[in-house]
Amino acid sequence: MSEFFEMGGYARFVWPAFGLTAVVLIGNALAAVRGHRRALDAVRDQIAAGEREE
């Protein structure tokens, strides 16, 4: 099992790359969720503003 984690001597390059990839993917997912929520809020605000004008 330790051979797997040592990655044939390249562990100091491989594991940080995996970690950075995970951070970027998680950040991308969070940004997408945040943007989606903002878009929904904007649509809800537009709908509410339209109902007030009528």
Protein backbone atom coordinates (compact mmCIF):
# COMPACT_ATOMS: atom_id res chain seq x y z
CA MET A 1 0.00 0.00 0.00
CA SER A 2 2.86 2.37 0.75
CA GLU A 3 4.13 1.87 -2.81
CA PHE A 4 0.85 3.31 -4.06
CA PHE A 5 1.18 6.41 -1.88
CA GLU A 6 4.84 6.83 -2.88
CA MET A 7 3.80 6.82 -6.56
CA GLY A 8 7.09 5.35 -7.71
CA GLY A 9 9.04 8.21 -6.18
CA TYR A 10 6.89 10.94 -7.72
CA ALA A 11 4.53 11.40 -4.78
CA ARG A 12 5.76 14.92 -4.04
CA PHE A 13 4.57 15.95 -7.51
CA VAL A 14 1.49 13.74 -7.91
CA TRP A 15 -0.32 14.35 -4.61
CA PRO A 16 -0.15 18.16 -4.75
CA ALA A 17 -1.43 17.97 -8.34
CA PHE A 18 -4.36 15.83 -7.18
CA GLY A 19 -5.00 18.24 -4.31
CA LEU A 20 -4.91 21.30 -6.52
CA THR A 21 -7.23 19.63 -9.01
CA ALA A 22 -9.69 18.81 -6.23
CA VAL A 23 -9.60 22.41 -4.95
CA VAL A 24 -10.22 23.81 -8.44
CA LEU A 25 -13.10 21.39 -9.12
CA ILE A 26 -14.76 22.14 -5.78
CA GLY A 27 -14.30 25.87 -6.31
CA ASN A 28 -15.80 25.60 -9.78
CA ALA A 29 -18.83 23.73 -8.43
CA LEU A 30 -19.33 26.28 -5.66
CA ALA A 31 -19.06 29.17 -8.11
CA ALA A 32 -21.67 27.55 -10.36
CA VAL A 33 -24.08 27.07 -7.45
CA ARG A 34 -23.53 30.65 -6.30
CA GLY A 35 -24.12 32.00 -9.82
CA HIS A 36 -27.26 29.91 -10.21
CA ARG A 37 -28.65 31.26 -6.94
CA ARG A 38 -27.89 34.82 -7.98
CA ALA A 39 -29.64 34.29 -11.31
CA LEU A 40 -32.69 32.84 -9.58
CA ASP A 41 -32.78 35.78 -7.17
CA ALA A 42 -32.58 38.21 -10.09
CA VAL A 43 -35.47 36.50 -11.86
CA ARG A 44 -37.53 36.47 -8.67
CA ASP A 45 -36.83 40.20 -8.21
CA GLN A 46 -37.92 40.91 -11.78
CA ILE A 47 -41.10 38.92 -11.32
CA ALA A 48 -41.86 40.70 -8.04
CA ALA A 49 -41.19 44.10 -9.64
CA GLY A 50 -43.52 43.24 -12.52
CA GLU A 51 -46.29 42.25 -10.14
CA ARG A 52 -45.97 45.54 -8.24
CA GLU A 53 -46.31 47.58 -11.46
CA GLU A 54 -49.61 46.02 -12.47
